[in-house]
C-alpha atoms as a PDB file:
ATOM      1  CA  MET A   1      27.293 -19.561  -3.061  1.00  0.00           C
ATOM      2  CA  GLN A   2      26.241 -16.683  -0.858  1.00  0.00           C
ATOM      3  CA  LYS A   3      24.671 -17.494   2.494  1.00  0.00           C
ATOM      4  CA  ILE A   4      21.588 -15.739   3.825  1.00  0.00           C
ATOM      5  CA  ALA A   5      20.545 -16.078   7.475  1.00  0.00           C
ATOM      6  CA  ILE A   6      16.817 -15.561   7.955  1.00  0.00           C
ATOM      7  CA  MET A   7      15.345 -14.530  11.291  1.00  0.00           C
ATOM      8  CA  VAL A   8      11.590 -14.222  11.770  1.00  0.00           C
ATOM      9  CA  GLY A   9       9.333 -12.536  14.297  1.00  0.00           C
ATOM     10  CA  SER A  10       5.716 -13.614  14.040  1.00  0.00           C
ATOM     11  CA  VAL A  11       2.594 -13.529  16.156  1.00  0.00           C
ATOM     12  CA  TYR A  12      -0.079 -15.108  13.930  1.00  0.00           C
ATOM     13  CA  GLY A  13       2.146 -16.811  11.335  1.00  0.00           C
ATOM     14  CA  GLY A  14       2.134 -14.252   8.516  1.00  0.00           C
ATOM     15  CA  ALA A  15       5.846 -13.488   8.764  1.00  0.00           C
ATOM     16  CA  GLU A  16       6.598 -17.208   8.996  1.00  0.00           C
ATOM     17  CA  TYR A  17       4.711 -17.854   5.766  1.00  0.00           C
ATOM     18  CA  VAL A  18       6.697 -15.091   4.060  1.00  0.00           C
ATOM     19  CA  ALA A  19       9.904 -16.709   5.368  1.00  0.00           C
ATOM     20  CA  GLU A  20       8.912 -20.123   3.987  1.00  0.00           C
ATOM     21  CA  GLN A  21       8.364 -18.564   0.571  1.00  0.00           C
ATOM     22  CA  ALA A  22      11.582 -16.532   0.856  1.00  0.00           C
ATOM     23  CA  VAL A  23      13.684 -19.635   1.555  1.00  0.00           C
ATOM     24  CA  GLU A  24      12.232 -21.299  -1.537  1.00  0.00           C
ATOM     25  CA  LEU A  25      12.750 -18.235  -3.746  1.00  0.00           C
ATOM     26  CA  LEU A  26      16.294 -17.565  -2.564  1.00  0.00           C
ATOM     27  CA  SER A  27      17.285 -21.229  -2.881  1.00  0.00           C
ATOM     28  CA  LYS A  28      16.022 -21.283  -6.475  1.00  0.00           C
ATOM     29  CA  LYS A  29      18.170 -18.215  -7.146  1.00  0.00           C
ATOM     30  CA  GLY A  30      21.268 -20.088  -5.959  1.00  0.00           C
ATOM     31  CA  TYR A  31      21.605 -18.766  -2.419  1.00  0.00           C
ATOM     32  CA  GLN A  32      22.150 -20.921   0.634  1.00  0.00           C
ATOM     33  CA  ALA A  33      19.231 -19.601   2.685  1.00  0.00           C
ATOM     34  CA  ARG A  34      18.822 -20.835   6.248  1.00  0.00           C
ATOM     35  CA  TRP A  35      15.917 -19.952   8.515  1.00  0.00           C
ATOM     36  CA  PHE A  36      16.928 -19.969  12.171  1.00  0.00           C
ATOM     37  CA  GLN A  37      14.056 -21.154  14.391  1.00  0.00           C
ATOM     38  CA  PRO A  38      14.466 -19.841  17.020  1.00  0.00           C
ATOM     39  CA  PRO A  39      17.364 -17.583  16.121  1.00  0.00           C
ATOM     40  CA  GLU A  40      20.354 -17.738  18.453  1.00  0.00           C
ATOM     41  CA  LEU A  41      23.253 -15.367  17.935  1.00  0.00           C
ATOM     42  CA  ASP A  42      26.006 -17.985  18.267  1.00  0.00           C
ATOM     43  CA  ALA A  43      24.341 -20.243  15.671  1.00  0.00           C
ATOM     44  CA  VAL A  44      23.724 -17.364  13.261  1.00  0.00           C
ATOM     45  CA  GLN A  45      27.328 -16.212  13.586  1.00  0.00           C
ATOM     46  CA  ALA A  46      28.638 -19.772  13.103  1.00  0.00           C
ATOM     47  CA  PHE A  47      26.685 -19.958   9.825  1.00  0.00           C
ATOM     48  CA  ALA A  48      28.849 -17.032   8.609  1.00  0.00           C
ATOM     49  CA  ALA A  49      26.133 -15.552   6.413  1.00  0.00           C
ATOM     50  CA  ASP A  50      26.907 -12.896   3.832  1.00  0.00           C
ATOM     51  CA  CYS A  51      23.526 -11.309   4.512  1.00  0.00           C
ATOM     52  CA  TRP A  52      21.027 -11.210   7.369  1.00  0.00           C
ATOM     53  CA  LEU A  53      17.343 -11.081   6.421  1.00  0.00           C
ATOM     54  CA  VAL A  54      14.883 -10.143   9.169  1.00  0.00           C
ATOM     55  CA  ILE A  55      11.169 -10.637   8.514  1.00  0.00           C
ATOM     56  CA  THR A  56       9.038  -9.401  11.375  1.00  0.00           C
ATOM     57  CA  SER A  57       5.557  -8.385  12.294  1.00  0.00           C
ATOM     58  CA  THR A  58       4.912  -5.827  15.030  1.00  0.00           C
ATOM     59  CA  THR A  59       2.956  -6.561  18.183  1.00  0.00           C
ATOM     60  CA  GLY A  60       1.627  -4.667  21.184  1.00  0.00           C
ATOM     61  CA  GLN A  61       2.673  -1.031  21.191  1.00  0.00           C
ATOM     62  CA  GLY A  62       5.267  -1.370  18.450  1.00  0.00           C
ATOM     63  CA  ASP A  63       7.081  -4.324  19.993  1.00  0.00           C
ATOM     64  CA  ILE A  64       9.174  -7.083  18.484  1.00  0.00           C
ATOM     65  CA  PRO A  65       7.316 -10.437  18.696  1.00  0.00           C
ATOM     66  CA  ASP A  66       8.229 -12.703  21.608  1.00  0.00           C
ATOM     67  CA  ASN A  67       9.827 -15.357  19.385  1.00  0.00           C
ATOM     68  CA  LEU A  68      12.338 -12.829  17.968  1.00  0.00           C
ATOM     69  CA  PHE A  69      12.904 -10.486  20.901  1.00  0.00           C
ATOM     70  CA  PRO A  70      15.536 -12.632  22.716  1.00  0.00           C
ATOM     71  CA  PHE A  71      17.672 -12.615  19.556  1.00  0.00           C
ATOM     72  CA  TYR A  72      17.215  -8.856  19.194  1.00  0.00           C
ATOM     73  CA  ALA A  73      18.216  -8.309  22.828  1.00  0.00           C
ATOM     74  CA  ASP A  74      21.263 -10.546  22.418  1.00  0.00           C
ATOM     75  CA  CYS A  75      22.376  -8.617  19.317  1.00  0.00           C
ATOM     76  CA  ARG A  76      21.794  -5.316  21.099  1.00  0.00           C
ATOM     77  CA  ASP A  77      23.672  -6.417  24.224  1.00  0.00           C
ATOM     78  CA  ARG A  78      26.555  -8.343  22.655  1.00  0.00           C
ATOM     79  CA  PHE A  79      26.855  -5.973  19.663  1.00  0.00           C
ATOM     80  CA  PRO A  80      28.274  -8.347  17.010  1.00  0.00           C
ATOM     81  CA  LEU A  81      29.667  -6.062  14.322  1.00  0.00           C
ATOM     82  CA  LEU A  82      28.366  -6.868  10.850  1.00  0.00           C
ATOM     83  CA  THR A  83      31.078  -4.942   9.047  1.00  0.00           C
ATOM     84  CA  GLY A  84      31.097  -6.024   5.407  1.00  0.00           C
ATOM     85  CA  LYS A  85      27.822  -7.929   5.691  1.00  0.00           C
ATOM     86  CA  GLN A  86      24.581  -6.909   4.079  1.00  0.00           C
ATOM     87  CA  PHE A  87      21.135  -6.985   5.607  1.00  0.00           C
ATOM     88  CA  ALA A  88      17.522  -6.587   4.581  1.00  0.00           C
ATOM     89  CA  VAL A  89      14.413  -6.067   6.692  1.00  0.00           C
ATOM     90  CA  ILE A  90      10.795  -6.789   5.838  1.00  0.00           C
ATOM     91  CA  GLY A  91       8.339  -5.255   8.294  1.00  0.00           C
ATOM     92  CA  LEU A  92       4.731  -6.383   8.465  1.00  0.00           C
ATOM     93  CA  GLY A  93       2.209  -4.156  10.170  1.00  0.00           C
ATOM     94  CA  ASP A  94      -1.071  -2.305  10.001  1.00  0.00           C
ATOM     95  CA  SER A  95      -0.962   1.410   9.262  1.00  0.00           C
ATOM     96  CA  SER A  96      -4.150   1.951  11.291  1.00  0.00           C
ATOM     97  CA  TYR A  97      -1.902   1.688  14.378  1.00  0.00           C
ATOM     98  CA  GLY A  98      -0.265   4.996  13.472  1.00  0.00           C
ATOM     99  CA  ASP A  99       3.222   5.597  14.867  1.00  0.00           C
ATOM    100  CA  THR A 100       3.748   1.937  15.748  1.00  0.00           C
ATOM    101  CA  PHE A 101       3.232   0.762  12.148  1.00  0.00           C
ATOM    102  CA  CYS A 102       6.114  -1.623  11.336  1.00  0.00           C
ATOM    103  CA  ALA A 103       7.929  -0.432  14.464  1.00  0.00           C
ATOM    104  CA  ALA A 104       9.571  -3.827  15.058  1.00  0.00           C
ATOM    105  CA  GLY A 105      11.045  -3.747  11.563  1.00  0.00           C
ATOM    106  CA  ARG A 106      12.281  -0.185  12.097  1.00  0.00           C
ATOM    107  CA  GLN A 107      13.945  -1.228  15.378  1.00  0.00           C
ATOM    108  CA  TRP A 108      15.722  -4.033  13.547  1.00  0.00           C
ATOM    109  CA  PHE A 109      16.795  -1.783  10.667  1.00  0.00           C
ATOM    110  CA  GLU A 110      18.228   0.715  13.155  1.00  0.00           C
ATOM    111  CA  LEU A 111      20.072  -1.966  15.144  1.00  0.00           C
ATOM    112  CA  LEU A 112      21.567  -3.647  12.069  1.00  0.00           C
ATOM    113  CA  THR A 113      22.744  -0.234  10.866  1.00  0.00           C
ATOM    114  CA  GLU A 114      24.324   0.439  14.287  1.00  0.00           C
ATOM    115  CA  LEU A 115      26.059  -2.948  13.983  1.00  0.00           C
ATOM    116  CA  GLN A 116      27.654  -1.533  10.814  1.00  0.00           C
ATOM    117  CA  GLY A 117      25.747  -3.757   8.410  1.00  0.00           C
ATOM    118  CA  ASN A 118      25.113  -2.518   4.879  1.00  0.00           C
ATOM    119  CA  PRO A 119      21.434  -2.334   3.917  1.00  0.00           C
ATOM    120  CA  LYS A 120      20.604  -3.917   0.559  1.00  0.00           C
ATOM    121  CA  ALA A 121      17.661  -1.515   0.345  1.00  0.00           C
ATOM    122  CA  ASP A 122      15.374   0.562   2.503  1.00  0.00           C
ATOM    123  CA  MET A 123      13.160  -1.510   4.756  1.00  0.00           C
ATOM    124  CA  LEU A 124      10.122  -2.972   3.032  1.00  0.00           C
ATOM    125  CA  GLU A 125       6.955  -2.055   4.920  1.00  0.00           C
ATOM    126  CA  ILE A 126       3.917  -4.206   4.189  1.00  0.00           C
ATOM    127  CA  ASP A 127       0.572  -2.812   5.332  1.00  0.00           C
ATOM    128  CA  ALA A 128      -2.013  -5.449   6.266  1.00  0.00           C
ATOM    129  CA  GLY A 129      -4.683  -2.814   5.624  1.00  0.00           C
ATOM    130  CA  GLU A 130      -3.711  -2.756   1.946  1.00  0.00           C
ATOM    131  CA  THR A 131      -2.302  -6.244   1.330  1.00  0.00           C
ATOM    132  CA  LEU A 132      -4.061  -9.423   2.377  1.00  0.00           C
ATOM    133  CA  GLN A 133      -1.139 -11.701   1.553  1.00  0.00           C
ATOM    134  CA  ALA A 134       2.209 -10.218   2.547  1.00  0.00           C
ATOM    135  CA  GLU A 135       4.097 -12.631   0.280  1.00  0.00           C
ATOM    136  CA  ASP A 136       2.500 -10.936  -2.756  1.00  0.00           C
ATOM    137  CA  VAL A 137       4.574  -7.845  -1.930  1.00  0.00           C
ATOM    138  CA  ALA A 138       7.571  -9.470  -0.224  1.00  0.00           C
ATOM    139  CA  LEU A 139       8.534 -12.001  -2.903  1.00  0.00           C
ATOM    140  CA  PRO A 140       8.839  -9.542  -5.834  1.00  0.00           C
ATOM    141  CA  TRP A 141      10.840  -7.221  -3.539  1.00  0.00           C
ATOM    142  CA  LEU A 142      13.170 -10.070  -2.529  1.00  0.00           C
ATOM    143  CA  ALA A 143      13.588 -11.127  -6.164  1.00  0.00           C
ATOM    144  CA  GLU A 144      14.630  -7.565  -7.006  1.00  0.00           C
ATOM    145  CA  GLN A 145      17.056  -7.198  -4.063  1.00  0.00           C
ATOM    146  CA  PHE A 146      18.717 -10.586  -4.381  1.00  0.00           C
END
């Protein structure tokens, strides 16, 4: 059974709701999906996941939410190579913010690529201006990727 580590960055709970639904979907598909709340690098590495899934909204001026930023900084600073591991990123944002739309997700995608992870697909960008319920877009995408 493949293991999937799920890390979530949320401000108002939208990304957390997507993560709850993702755990259920992935578990039904036979994966061992574990949501790390809050994510800590040592715990995520000890889980020995085959794939890292990051689901994050964007806050401020394109920033990673406070509940996910310490994990991001730890990954950036300690640089745990993900060679041979896959990753997927779901970015939630609002395109009316222009250049900062889904910027937290893009930062994660870039970092996981630098850590030599293999993307399962291009990052999924979900626009709150077009989609009221992010899970309506995220779940079909996850079902297709996994």
